[in-house]
Amino acid sequence: MGENPQLNAKGELKHLLSLEGLPARILRHILDTADPFVESAQQESKKVPLLSGKSVFNLFFEPSTRTRTTFEIAAKRLSADVFNLNIGTSSQSKGETVLDTVDNLAAMHADMFIVRHSQSGAAHLIAKHVAPHIRVINAGDGRHAHPTQGLLDMYTIRHYKKDFQELRVAIVGDLLHSRVARSQIHALTTLGVPEVRIIAPRTLLPSHVDTFGVQVYHDMATGLKDVDVVIMLRLQNERMRGALLPSAQEYFKYWGLTAEKLAYAKPDAIVMHPGPMNRGVEIDSSVADGAQSVILPQVTFGIAVRMAVMKILAESQA
């Protein structure tokens, strides 16, 4: 497999580009590092000086308000100087390449780049290109990976279920277009979840799903039976008009999470969603706002997990 570009010579994390290929010890270290940040979020003063004097650039080549905002809050709580660039509207339209943009910002003494891009592999390209002291975090690239979302989902599961070893986890919905699902599956299997299920219509499954090490179901009744965790994926409305699905109403009827369908899962099953939710498409409001939903805690934990990743990267050597 060659060397992992995310790790330094000591096997420490120097970039976070994908959860693929990362050992369980690194994933657990990130989750453990997030614990005190979750606790400090309850306190009046939420700031710690760990990244004081460091410059963090949010490079968003495609929009994502939620992800960008949580990274911004995370960096500011670590006392970093944060700069937000929505590059889709500026240099890209002038024909400047991604690496030109990065070089210009590196010349302004950037220490860390948070990269969101519609092209798979964009964060890897930047990580290979930058000077050794600069750190890169992938905030979502194409259909490839969304590692911090995968990590905050693992943190949420661990918080409510304590351990991964006995769990059945179901991931439901648009696997075909989901970078989140790929990161979740890598993390779940690496952390020792014995049974990961995928529930989706055939048209929304990637062709190589059989290589993921998961069990595939096409109906909710059998797929959700006795699961501990239900992760709903966002159905990208913009893809509804294609030939993949007949309509949003039809999708909700078969694959939308309702209280009736959730009853197939264990009584203490938790319901997760990476957001933003399409209510009445992939999830019913009564479930999204119900007692088993942990969708808002996911957002809270997401800030702590992103703080943990930044702290670990800032402390690692080139």
C-alpha atoms as a PDB file:
ATOM      1  CA  MET A   1       0.000   0.000   0.000  1.00  0.00           C
ATOM      2  CA  GLY A   2       3.009   2.332   0.291  1.00  0.00           C
ATOM      3  CA  GLU A   3       3.385   4.964   2.937  1.00  0.00           C
ATOM      4  CA  ASN A   4       0.329   6.778   4.203  1.00  0.00           C
ATOM      5  CA  PRO A   5       0.622  10.502   3.305  1.00  0.00           C
ATOM      6  CA  GLN A   6      -1.364  11.308   6.448  1.00  0.00           C
ATOM      7  CA  LEU A   7       1.275   9.977   8.837  1.00  0.00           C
ATOM      8  CA  ASN A   8       4.776  11.207   9.683  1.00  0.00           C
ATOM      9  CA  ALA A   9       7.815   8.948  10.173  1.00  0.00           C
ATOM     10  CA  LYS A  10       6.769   8.283  13.786  1.00  0.00           C
ATOM     11  CA  GLY A  11       3.306   7.148  12.716  1.00  0.00           C
ATOM     12  CA  GLU A  12       1.652  10.315  14.064  1.00  0.00           C
ATOM     13  CA  LEU A  13      -1.131  12.072  12.204  1.00  0.00           C
ATOM     14  CA  LYS A  14       0.155  15.062  10.212  1.00  0.00           C
ATOM     15  CA  HIS A  15      -2.807  15.533   7.813  1.00  0.00           C
ATOM     16  CA  LEU A  16      -6.378  14.242   8.021  1.00  0.00           C
ATOM     17  CA  LEU A  17      -7.393  13.361   4.463  1.00  0.00           C
ATOM     18  CA  SER A  18      -9.394  10.144   4.835  1.00  0.00           C
ATOM     19  CA  LEU A  19     -10.196   7.566   7.510  1.00  0.00           C
ATOM     20  CA  GLU A  20      -9.163   4.859   5.060  1.00  0.00           C
ATOM     21  CA  GLY A  21      -5.849   3.340   6.097  1.00  0.00           C
ATOM     22  CA  LEU A  22      -5.788   4.930   9.548  1.00  0.00           C
ATOM     23  CA  PRO A  23      -5.277   2.426  12.392  1.00  0.00           C
ATOM     24  CA  ALA A  24      -7.760   2.108  15.262  1.00  0.00           C
ATOM     25  CA  ARG A  25      -5.230   3.612  17.724  1.00  0.00           C
ATOM     26  CA  ILE A  26      -5.266   6.927  15.826  1.00  0.00           C
ATOM     27  CA  LEU A  27      -9.066   7.023  15.618  1.00  0.00           C
ATOM     28  CA  ARG A  28      -9.319   6.298  19.356  1.00  0.00           C
ATOM     29  CA  HIS A  29      -6.688   8.937  20.143  1.00  0.00           C
ATOM     30  CA  ILE A  30      -8.782  11.559  18.302  1.00  0.00           C
ATOM     31  CA  LEU A  31     -11.960  10.513  20.154  1.00  0.00           C
ATOM     32  CA  ASP A  32     -10.139  10.557  23.517  1.00  0.00           C
ATOM     33  CA  THR A  33      -8.627  13.978  22.756  1.00  0.00           C
ATOM     34  CA  ALA A  34     -12.124  15.334  22.066  1.00  0.00           C
ATOM     35  CA  ASP A  35     -13.452  14.357  25.526  1.00  0.00           C
ATOM     36  CA  PRO A  36     -12.096  17.379  27.469  1.00  0.00           C
ATOM     37  CA  PHE A  37     -13.259  19.729  24.687  1.00  0.00           C
ATOM     38  CA  VAL A  38     -16.825  18.426  25.074  1.00  0.00           C
ATOM     39  CA  GLU A  39     -16.569  19.167  28.805  1.00  0.00           C
ATOM     40  CA  SER A  40     -15.014  22.618  28.298  1.00  0.00           C
ATOM     41  CA  ALA A  41     -17.897  23.567  25.984  1.00  0.00           C
ATOM     42  CA  GLN A  42     -20.153  23.563  29.073  1.00  0.00           C
ATOM     43  CA  GLN A  43     -17.984  26.190  30.781  1.00  0.00           C
ATOM     44  CA  GLU A  44     -18.328  29.940  30.603  1.00  0.00           C
ATOM     45  CA  SER A  45     -14.925  30.439  28.990  1.00  0.00           C
ATOM     46  CA  LYS A  46     -14.716  27.975  26.101  1.00  0.00           C
ATOM     47  CA  LYS A  47     -11.371  29.185  24.739  1.00  0.00           C
ATOM     48  CA  VAL A  48      -8.031  27.428  25.180  1.00  0.00           C
ATOM     49  CA  PRO A  49      -4.701  28.827  23.880  1.00  0.00           C
ATOM     50  CA  LEU A  50      -3.515  25.675  22.053  1.00  0.00           C
ATOM     51  CA  LEU A  51      -3.411  27.248  18.568  1.00  0.00           C
ATOM     52  CA  SER A  52      -2.632  30.796  19.634  1.00  0.00           C
ATOM     53  CA  GLY A  53      -0.650  32.568  16.909  1.00  0.00           C
ATOM     54  CA  LYS A  54      -1.531  29.954  14.263  1.00  0.00           C
ATOM     55  CA  SER A  55      -3.334  30.871  11.046  1.00  0.00           C
ATOM     56  CA  VAL A  56      -6.095  28.524   9.893  1.00  0.00           C
ATOM     57  CA  PHE A  57      -7.554  29.002   6.410  1.00  0.00           C
ATOM     58  CA  ASN A  58     -10.974  27.576   5.542  1.00  0.00           C
ATOM     59  CA  LEU A  59     -10.659  26.891   1.799  1.00  0.00           C
ATOM     60  CA  PHE A  60     -14.145  26.100   0.581  1.00  0.00           C
ATOM     61  CA  PHE A  61     -14.210  25.498  -3.157  1.00  0.00           C
ATOM     62  CA  GLU A  62     -17.851  24.418  -2.764  1.00  0.00           C
ATOM     63  CA  PRO A  63     -20.293  25.824  -0.209  1.00  0.00           C
ATOM     64  CA  SER A  64     -21.110  24.131   3.095  1.00  0.00           C
ATOM     65  CA  THR A  65     -22.221  26.529   5.779  1.00  0.00           C
ATOM     66  CA  ARG A  66     -22.536  23.939   8.566  1.00  0.00           C
ATOM     67  CA  THR A  67     -19.135  22.322   8.092  1.00  0.00           C
ATOM     68  CA  ARG A  68     -17.358  25.632   7.609  1.00  0.00           C
ATOM     69  CA  THR A  69     -19.025  27.146  10.672  1.00  0.00           C
ATOM     70  CA  THR A  70     -18.106  24.241  12.959  1.00  0.00           C
ATOM     71  CA  PHE A  71     -14.481  24.331  11.770  1.00  0.00           C
ATOM     72  CA  GLU A  72     -14.426  28.095  12.327  1.00  0.00           C
ATOM     73  CA  ILE A  73     -15.822  27.767  15.856  1.00  0.00           C
ATOM     74  CA  ALA A  74     -13.386  24.918  16.604  1.00  0.00           C
ATOM     75  CA  ALA A  75     -10.359  26.935  15.439  1.00  0.00           C
ATOM     76  CA  LYS A  76     -11.454  30.049  17.332  1.00  0.00           C
ATOM     77  CA  ARG A  77     -11.965  28.069  20.538  1.00  0.00           C
ATOM     78  CA  LEU A  78      -8.352  26.934  20.134  1.00  0.00           C
ATOM     79  CA  SER A  79      -7.403  30.667  19.827  1.00  0.00           C
ATOM     80  CA  ALA A  80      -6.271  30.419  16.184  1.00  0.00           C
ATOM     81  CA  ASP A  81      -6.600  33.254  13.683  1.00  0.00           C
ATOM     82  CA  VAL A  82      -9.246  32.052  11.211  1.00  0.00           C
ATOM     83  CA  PHE A  83      -9.703  33.159   7.611  1.00  0.00           C
ATOM     84  CA  ASN A  84     -12.712  32.042   5.557  1.00  0.00           C
ATOM     85  CA  LEU A  85     -12.376  31.899   1.788  1.00  0.00           C
ATOM     86  CA  ASN A  86     -15.271  30.922  -0.435  1.00  0.00           C
ATOM     87  CA  ILE A  87     -13.041  30.402  -3.413  1.00  0.00           C
ATOM     88  CA  GLY A  88     -15.739  29.333  -5.846  1.00  0.00           C
ATOM     89  CA  THR A  89     -16.624  33.013  -6.114  1.00  0.00           C
ATOM     90  CA  SER A  90     -13.140  34.513  -6.397  1.00  0.00           C
ATOM     91  CA  SER A  91      -9.857  33.170  -7.766  1.00  0.00           C
ATOM     92  CA  GLN A  92     -11.356  30.053  -9.345  1.00  0.00           C
ATOM     93  CA  SER A  93     -13.544  32.178 -11.577  1.00  0.00           C
ATOM     94  CA  LYS A  94     -10.389  34.035 -12.704  1.00  0.00           C
ATOM     95  CA  GLY A  95      -8.826  30.778 -13.850  1.00  0.00           C
ATOM     96  CA  GLU A  96      -6.363  30.436 -10.954  1.00  0.00           C
ATOM     97  CA  THR A  97      -5.593  26.810 -10.113  1.00  0.00           C
ATOM     98  CA  VAL A  98      -6.115  25.267  -6.693  1.00  0.00           C
ATOM     99  CA  LEU A  99      -2.356  25.052  -6.100  1.00  0.00           C
ATOM    100  CA  ASP A 100      -1.845  28.709  -7.119  1.00  0.00           C
ATOM    101  CA  THR A 101      -4.421  29.685  -4.508  1.00  0.00           C
ATOM    102  CA  VAL A 102      -2.706  27.525  -1.883  1.00  0.00           C
ATOM    103  CA  ASP A 103       0.742  28.946  -2.731  1.00  0.00           C
ATOM    104  CA  ASN A 104      -0.511  32.508  -2.338  1.00  0.00           C
ATOM    105  CA  LEU A 105      -2.044  31.741   1.047  1.00  0.00           C
ATOM    106  CA  ALA A 106       1.052  29.821   2.173  1.00  0.00           C
ATOM    107  CA  ALA A 107       3.035  32.980   1.417  1.00  0.00           C
ATOM    108  CA  MET A 108       0.800  34.708   3.993  1.00  0.00           C
ATOM    109  CA  HIS A 109       2.130  32.274   6.634  1.00  0.00           C
ATOM    110  CA  ALA A 110      -0.731  29.793   6.730  1.00  0.00           C
ATOM    111  CA  ASP A 111      -0.319  26.958   9.252  1.00  0.00           C
ATOM    112  CA  MET A 112      -3.386  24.865   8.433  1.00  0.00           C
ATOM    113  CA  PHE A 113      -5.766  24.474   5.501  1.00  0.00           C
ATOM    114  CA  ILE A 114      -9.316  23.124   5.890  1.00  0.00           C
ATOM    115  CA  VAL A 115     -10.265  22.051   2.356  1.00  0.00           C
ATOM    116  CA  ARG A 116     -13.702  21.398   0.891  1.00  0.00           C
ATOM    117  CA  HIS A 117     -13.783  20.572  -2.831  1.00  0.00           C
ATOM    118  CA  SER A 118     -16.113  18.902  -5.316  1.00  0.00           C
ATOM    119  CA  GLN A 119     -13.218  16.921  -6.825  1.00  0.00           C
ATOM    120  CA  SER A 120     -12.201  13.687  -5.110  1.00  0.00           C
ATOM    121  CA  GLY A 121      -8.549  13.824  -4.075  1.00  0.00           C
ATOM    122  CA  ALA A 122      -8.247  17.620  -3.897  1.00  0.00           C
ATOM    123  CA  ALA A 123      -7.112  17.599  -0.248  1.00  0.00           C
ATOM    124  CA  HIS A 124      -4.535  14.870  -1.009  1.00  0.00           C
ATOM    125  CA  LEU A 125      -3.169  16.989  -3.865  1.00  0.00           C
ATOM    126  CA  ILE A 126      -2.787  20.014  -1.581  1.00  0.00           C
ATOM    127  CA  ALA A 127      -1.211  17.951   1.240  1.00  0.00           C
ATOM    128  CA  LYS A 128       1.437  16.623  -1.163  1.00  0.00           C
ATOM    129  CA  HIS A 129       2.152  20.125  -2.430  1.00  0.00           C
ATOM    130  CA  VAL A 130       2.453  22.237   0.736  1.00  0.00           C
ATOM    131  CA  ALA A 131       5.575  22.909   2.813  1.00  0.00           C
ATOM    132  CA  PRO A 132       6.304  20.333   5.559  1.00  0.00           C
ATOM    133  CA  HIS A 133       5.074  22.548   8.429  1.00  0.00           C
ATOM    134  CA  ILE A 134       1.592  23.106   6.927  1.00  0.00           C
ATOM    135  CA  ARG A 135      -1.263  20.798   7.960  1.00  0.00           C
ATOM    136  CA  VAL A 136      -4.254  19.877   5.761  1.00  0.00           C
ATOM    137  CA  ILE A 137      -7.706  18.664   6.838  1.00  0.00           C
ATOM    138  CA  ASN A 138     -10.163  17.304   4.292  1.00  0.00           C
ATOM    139  CA  ALA A 139     -13.606  18.823   4.958  1.00  0.00           C
ATOM    140  CA  GLY A 140     -15.201  16.754   2.180  1.00  0.00           C
ATOM    141  CA  ASP A 141     -14.007  15.941  -1.339  1.00  0.00           C
ATOM    142  CA  GLY A 142     -16.254  14.766  -4.172  1.00  0.00           C
ATOM    143  CA  ARG A 143     -17.831  11.404  -3.407  1.00  0.00           C
ATOM    144  CA  HIS A 144     -14.653  10.290  -1.690  1.00  0.00           C
ATOM    145  CA  ALA A 145     -14.375  11.139   2.024  1.00  0.00           C
ATOM    146  CA  HIS A 146     -15.529  13.364   4.882  1.00  0.00           C
ATOM    147  CA  PRO A 147     -13.261  12.213   7.718  1.00  0.00           C
ATOM    148  CA  THR A 148     -14.230  14.674  10.470  1.00  0.00           C
ATOM    149  CA  GLN A 149     -17.927  13.881   9.935  1.00  0.00           C
ATOM    150  CA  GLY A 150     -17.093  10.180  10.202  1.00  0.00           C
ATOM    151  CA  LEU A 151     -15.161  10.855  13.410  1.00  0.00           C
ATOM    152  CA  LEU A 152     -17.875  12.949  15.041  1.00  0.00           C
ATOM    153  CA  ASP A 153     -20.339  10.163  14.216  1.00  0.00           C
ATOM    154  CA  MET A 154     -18.017   7.661  15.950  1.00  0.00           C
ATOM    155  CA  TYR A 155     -17.766   9.993  18.939  1.00  0.00           C
ATOM    156  CA  THR A 156     -21.573  10.182  19.111  1.00  0.00           C
ATOM    157  CA  ILE A 157     -21.930   6.392  18.955  1.00  0.00           C
ATOM    158  CA  ARG A 158     -19.279   5.898  21.635  1.00  0.00           C
ATOM    159  CA  HIS A 159     -20.908   8.515  23.865  1.00  0.00           C
ATOM    160  CA  TYR A 160     -24.278   6.752  23.843  1.00  0.00           C
ATOM    161  CA  LYS A 161     -23.252   3.108  23.389  1.00  0.00           C
ATOM    162  CA  LYS A 162     -19.902   3.145  25.260  1.00  0.00           C
ATOM    163  CA  ASP A 163     -18.232   0.496  23.096  1.00  0.00           C
ATOM    164  CA  PHE A 164     -18.167  -0.609  19.460  1.00  0.00           C
ATOM    165  CA  GLN A 165     -17.631  -4.348  19.908  1.00  0.00           C
ATOM    166  CA  GLU A 166     -21.246  -5.523  20.283  1.00  0.00           C
ATOM    167  CA  LEU A 167     -23.063  -3.153  17.963  1.00  0.00           C
ATOM    168  CA  ARG A 168     -25.226  -3.493  14.889  1.00  0.00           C
ATOM    169  CA  VAL A 169     -25.178  -0.267  12.889  1.00  0.00           C
ATOM    170  CA  ALA A 170     -27.416   0.492   9.886  1.00  0.00           C
ATOM    171  CA  ILE A 171     -26.582   3.229   7.355  1.00  0.00           C
ATOM    172  CA  VAL A 172     -29.651   4.133   5.305  1.00  0.00           C
ATOM    173  CA  GLY A 173     -30.076   5.994   2.031  1.00  0.00           C
ATOM    174  CA  ASP A 174     -28.026   7.510  -0.779  1.00  0.00           C
ATOM    175  CA  LEU A 175     -24.775   5.538  -0.530  1.00  0.00           C
ATOM    176  CA  LEU A 176     -23.938   6.232  -4.157  1.00  0.00           C
ATOM    177  CA  HIS A 177     -23.239   9.942  -3.690  1.00  0.00           C
ATOM    178  CA  SER A 178     -22.237   9.940  -0.014  1.00  0.00           C
ATOM    179  CA  ARG A 179     -18.692  10.775   1.055  1.00  0.00           C
ATOM    180  CA  VAL A 180     -19.914  10.633   4.664  1.00  0.00           C
ATOM    181  CA  ALA A 181     -20.988   6.983   4.358  1.00  0.00           C
ATOM    182  CA  ARG A 182     -17.564   5.910   3.087  1.00  0.00           C
ATOM    183  CA  SER A 183     -15.856   7.536   6.062  1.00  0.00           C
ATOM    184  CA  GLN A 184     -18.404   6.029   8.462  1.00  0.00           C
ATOM    185  CA  ILE A 185     -17.948   2.502   7.088  1.00  0.00           C
ATOM    186  CA  HIS A 186     -14.129   2.706   7.331  1.00  0.00           C
ATOM    187  CA  ALA A 187     -14.329   4.008  10.892  1.00  0.00           C
ATOM    188  CA  LEU A 188     -16.943   1.497  12.076  1.00  0.00           C
ATOM    189  CA  THR A 189     -15.076  -1.508  10.715  1.00  0.00           C
ATOM    190  CA  THR A 190     -11.700  -0.231  11.996  1.00  0.00           C
ATOM    191  CA  LEU A 191     -13.119   0.331  15.487  1.00  0.00           C
ATOM    192  CA  GLY A 192     -14.425  -3.232  15.619  1.00  0.00           C
ATOM    193  CA  VAL A 193     -18.179  -2.961  14.925  1.00  0.00           C
ATOM    194  CA  PRO A 194     -19.074  -6.577  14.054  1.00  0.00           C
ATOM    195  CA  GLU A 195     -22.094  -5.840  11.859  1.00  0.00           C
ATOM    196  CA  VAL A 196     -22.470  -2.838   9.555  1.00  0.00           C
ATOM    197  CA  ARG A 197     -25.614  -2.843   7.423  1.00  0.00           C
ATOM    198  CA  ILE A 198     -26.481  -0.736   4.438  1.00  0.00           C
ATOM    199  CA  ILE A 199     -30.130  -0.177   3.534  1.00  0.00           C
ATOM    200  CA  ALA A 200     -30.757   1.480   0.179  1.00  0.00           C
ATOM    201  CA  PRO A 201     -32.570   1.198  -3.119  1.00  0.00           C
ATOM    202  CA  ARG A 202     -30.436  -0.614  -5.704  1.00  0.00           C
ATOM    203  CA  THR A 203     -30.135   2.568  -7.796  1.00  0.00           C
ATOM    204  CA  LEU A 204     -28.398   4.379  -4.903  1.00  0.00           C
ATOM    205  CA  LEU A 205     -25.697   1.770  -4.227  1.00  0.00           C
ATOM    206  CA  PRO A 206     -22.133   2.066  -5.566  1.00  0.00           C
ATOM    207  CA  SER A 207     -21.225  -0.730  -7.997  1.00  0.00           C
ATOM    208  CA  HIS A 208     -18.417  -2.038  -5.755  1.00  0.00           C
ATOM    209  CA  VAL A 209     -20.456  -2.097  -2.521  1.00  0.00           C
ATOM    210  CA  ASP A 210     -19.557  -5.766  -2.049  1.00  0.00           C
ATOM    211  CA  THR A 211     -15.957  -4.720  -1.274  1.00  0.00           C
ATOM    212  CA  PHE A 212     -17.041  -2.571   1.720  1.00  0.00           C
ATOM    213  CA  GLY A 213     -17.374  -5.463   4.204  1.00  0.00           C
ATOM    214  CA  VAL A 214     -21.033  -4.669   4.916  1.00  0.00           C
ATOM    215  CA  GLN A 215     -24.379  -6.460   4.696  1.00  0.00           C
ATOM    216  CA  VAL A 216     -26.722  -4.992   2.073  1.00  0.00           C
ATOM    217  CA  TYR A 217     -30.502  -4.762   2.517  1.00  0.00           C
ATOM    218  CA  HIS A 218     -33.143  -3.266   0.251  1.00  0.00           C
ATOM    219  CA  ASP A 219     -36.034  -2.945   2.704  1.00  0.00           C
ATOM    220  CA  MET A 220     -36.252  -1.246   6.074  1.00  0.00           C
ATOM    221  CA  ALA A 221     -38.099  -3.998   7.981  1.00  0.00           C
ATOM    222  CA  THR A 222     -35.327  -6.602   7.675  1.00  0.00           C
ATOM    223  CA  GLY A 223     -32.463  -4.088   7.530  1.00  0.00           C
ATOM    224  CA  LEU A 224     -33.414  -2.306  10.768  1.00  0.00           C
ATOM    225  CA  LYS A 225     -34.252  -5.438  12.753  1.00  0.00           C
ATOM    226  CA  ASP A 226     -32.487  -5.327  16.135  1.00  0.00           C
ATOM    227  CA  VAL A 227     -29.973  -2.601  15.220  1.00  0.00           C
ATOM    228  CA  ASP A 228     -28.432  -0.350  17.912  1.00  0.00           C
ATOM    229  CA  VAL A 229     -27.639   2.663  15.725  1.00  0.00           C
ATOM    230  CA  VAL A 230     -29.494   4.057  12.691  1.00  0.00           C
ATOM    231  CA  ILE A 231     -27.572   6.565  10.551  1.00  0.00           C
ATOM    232  CA  MET A 232     -29.752   8.287   7.966  1.00  0.00           C
ATOM    233  CA  LEU A 233     -28.011   9.847   4.956  1.00  0.00           C
ATOM    234  CA  ARG A 234     -29.140  13.025   3.248  1.00  0.00           C
ATOM    235  CA  LEU A 235     -30.924  12.425  -0.023  1.00  0.00           C
ATOM    236  CA  GLN A 236     -29.545  15.021  -2.383  1.00  0.00           C
ATOM    237  CA  ASN A 237     -32.725  16.644  -3.708  1.00  0.00           C
ATOM    238  CA  GLU A 238     -30.906  17.872  -6.785  1.00  0.00           C
ATOM    239  CA  ARG A 239     -30.538  14.239  -7.875  1.00  0.00           C
ATOM    240  CA  MET A 240     -34.245  13.473  -7.512  1.00  0.00           C
ATOM    241  CA  ARG A 241     -34.943  14.647 -11.042  1.00  0.00           C
ATOM    242  CA  GLY A 242     -32.699  11.966 -12.552  1.00  0.00           C
ATOM    243  CA  ALA A 243     -33.661   8.386 -13.281  1.00  0.00           C
ATOM    244  CA  LEU A 244     -32.387   7.151  -9.908  1.00  0.00           C
ATOM    245  CA  LEU A 245     -35.665   7.608  -8.037  1.00  0.00           C
ATOM    246  CA  PRO A 246     -39.293   8.208  -8.949  1.00  0.00           C
ATOM    247  CA  SER A 247     -40.098  10.965  -6.412  1.00  0.00           C
ATOM    248  CA  ALA A 248     -39.404  12.247  -2.914  1.00  0.00           C
ATOM    249  CA  GLN A 249     -42.794  10.939  -1.724  1.00  0.00           C
ATOM    250  CA  GLU A 250     -42.044   7.470  -3.094  1.00  0.00           C
ATOM    251  CA  TYR A 251     -38.615   7.487  -1.461  1.00  0.00           C
ATOM    252  CA  PHE A 252     -40.098   8.457   1.914  1.00  0.00           C
ATOM    253  CA  LYS A 253     -42.689   5.705   1.677  1.00  0.00           C
ATOM    254  CA  TYR A 254     -40.058   2.971   1.341  1.00  0.00           C
ATOM    255  CA  TRP A 255     -36.837   4.346   2.869  1.00  0.00           C
ATOM    256  CA  GLY A 256     -37.825   7.345   4.974  1.00  0.00           C
ATOM    257  CA  LEU A 257     -37.409   6.779   8.716  1.00  0.00           C
ATOM    258  CA  THR A 258     -40.776   6.871  10.494  1.00  0.00           C
ATOM    259  CA  ALA A 259     -41.671   5.826  14.032  1.00  0.00           C
ATOM    260  CA  GLU A 260     -43.208   2.637  12.595  1.00  0.00           C
ATOM    261  CA  LYS A 261     -39.991   1.662  10.802  1.00  0.00           C
ATOM    262  CA  LEU A 262     -37.804   2.647  13.760  1.00  0.00           C
ATOM    263  CA  ALA A 263     -39.802   0.171  15.885  1.00  0.00           C
ATOM    264  CA  TYR A 264     -37.960  -2.683  14.079  1.00  0.00           C
ATOM    265  CA  ALA A 265     -34.698  -1.494  15.697  1.00  0.00           C
ATOM    266  CA  LYS A 266     -33.830  -2.087  19.352  1.00  0.00           C
ATOM    267  CA  PRO A 267     -35.925   0.014  21.762  1.00  0.00           C
ATOM    268  CA  ASP A 268     -32.814   1.960  22.843  1.00  0.00           C
ATOM    269  CA  ALA A 269     -31.476   2.477  19.299  1.00  0.00           C
ATOM    270  CA  ILE A 270     -30.149   5.972  18.566  1.00  0.00           C
ATOM    271  CA  VAL A 271     -30.971   7.872  15.365  1.00  0.00           C
ATOM    272  CA  MET A 272     -28.276   9.947  13.657  1.00  0.00           C
ATOM    273  CA  HIS A 273     -28.126  12.191  10.580  1.00  0.00           C
ATOM    274  CA  PRO A 274     -25.119  14.161   9.270  1.00  0.00           C
ATOM    275  CA  GLY A 275     -27.400  17.049   8.214  1.00  0.00           C
ATOM    276  CA  PRO A 276     -28.820  19.077   6.780  1.00  0.00           C
ATOM    277  CA  MET A 277     -32.004  16.987   7.007  1.00  0.00           C
ATOM    278  CA  ASN A 278     -34.746  16.792   4.429  1.00  0.00           C
ATOM    279  CA  ARG A 279     -37.725  16.342   6.739  1.00  0.00           C
ATOM    280  CA  GLY A 280     -40.414  14.193   5.177  1.00  0.00           C
ATOM    281  CA  VAL A 281     -37.933  12.749   2.658  1.00  0.00           C
ATOM    282  CA  GLU A 282     -35.340  10.683   4.521  1.00  0.00           C
ATOM    283  CA  ILE A 283     -36.688  11.237   8.028  1.00  0.00           C
ATOM    284  CA  ASP A 284     -40.029  12.068   9.623  1.00  0.00           C
ATOM    285  CA  SER A 285     -40.086  15.081  11.951  1.00  0.00           C
ATOM    286  CA  SER A 286     -41.509  12.980  14.791  1.00  0.00           C
ATOM    287  CA  VAL A 287     -38.326  10.836  14.644  1.00  0.00           C
ATOM    288  CA  ALA A 288     -35.885  13.713  14.009  1.00  0.00           C
ATOM    289  CA  ASP A 289     -37.217  15.531  17.080  1.00  0.00           C
ATOM    290  CA  GLY A 290     -37.985  12.377  19.087  1.00  0.00           C
ATOM    291  CA  ALA A 291     -36.456  10.794  22.170  1.00  0.00           C
ATOM    292  CA  GLN A 292     -34.130   8.480  20.192  1.00  0.00           C
ATOM    293  CA  SER A 293     -32.676  11.241  18.026  1.00  0.00           C
ATOM    294  CA  VAL A 294     -29.125  12.399  18.802  1.00  0.00           C
ATOM    295  CA  ILE A 295     -28.893  14.661  15.745  1.00  0.00           C
ATOM    296  CA  LEU A 296     -28.291  17.906  17.688  1.00  0.00           C
ATOM    297  CA  PRO A 297     -25.689  16.362  20.052  1.00  0.00           C
ATOM    298  CA  GLN A 298     -23.850  15.237  16.890  1.00  0.00           C
ATOM    299  CA  VAL A 299     -23.393  18.907  15.963  1.00  0.00           C
ATOM    300  CA  THR A 300     -22.116  19.769  19.462  1.00  0.00           C
ATOM    301  CA  PHE A 301     -19.684  16.838  19.454  1.00  0.00           C
ATOM    302  CA  GLY A 302     -18.553  17.849  15.962  1.00  0.00           C
ATOM    303  CA  ILE A 303     -16.946  21.029  17.281  1.00  0.00           C
ATOM    304  CA  ALA A 304     -15.009  19.104  19.962  1.00  0.00           C
ATOM    305  CA  VAL A 305     -13.858  16.450  17.472  1.00  0.00           C
ATOM    306  CA  ARG A 306     -12.636  19.089  15.013  1.00  0.00           C
ATOM    307  CA  MET A 307     -10.795  20.820  17.865  1.00  0.00           C
ATOM    308  CA  ALA A 308      -9.172  17.476  18.711  1.00  0.00           C
ATOM    309  CA  VAL A 309      -8.015  16.921  15.120  1.00  0.00           C
ATOM    310  CA  MET A 310      -6.535  20.433  14.888  1.00  0.00           C
ATOM    311  CA  LYS A 311      -4.737  20.044  18.240  1.00  0.00           C
ATOM    312  CA  ILE A 312      -3.225  16.683  17.230  1.00  0.00           C
ATOM    313  CA  LEU A 313      -2.090  17.973  13.826  1.00  0.00           C
ATOM    314  CA  ALA A 314      -0.640  21.181  15.278  1.00  0.00           C
ATOM    315  CA  GLU A 315       1.410  19.173  17.800  1.00  0.00           C
ATOM    316  CA  SER A 316       2.720  16.551  15.344  1.00  0.00           C
ATOM    317  CA  GLN A 317       6.074  16.892  13.620  1.00  0.00           C
ATOM    318  CA  ALA A 318       6.540  17.103   9.872  1.00  0.00           C
END
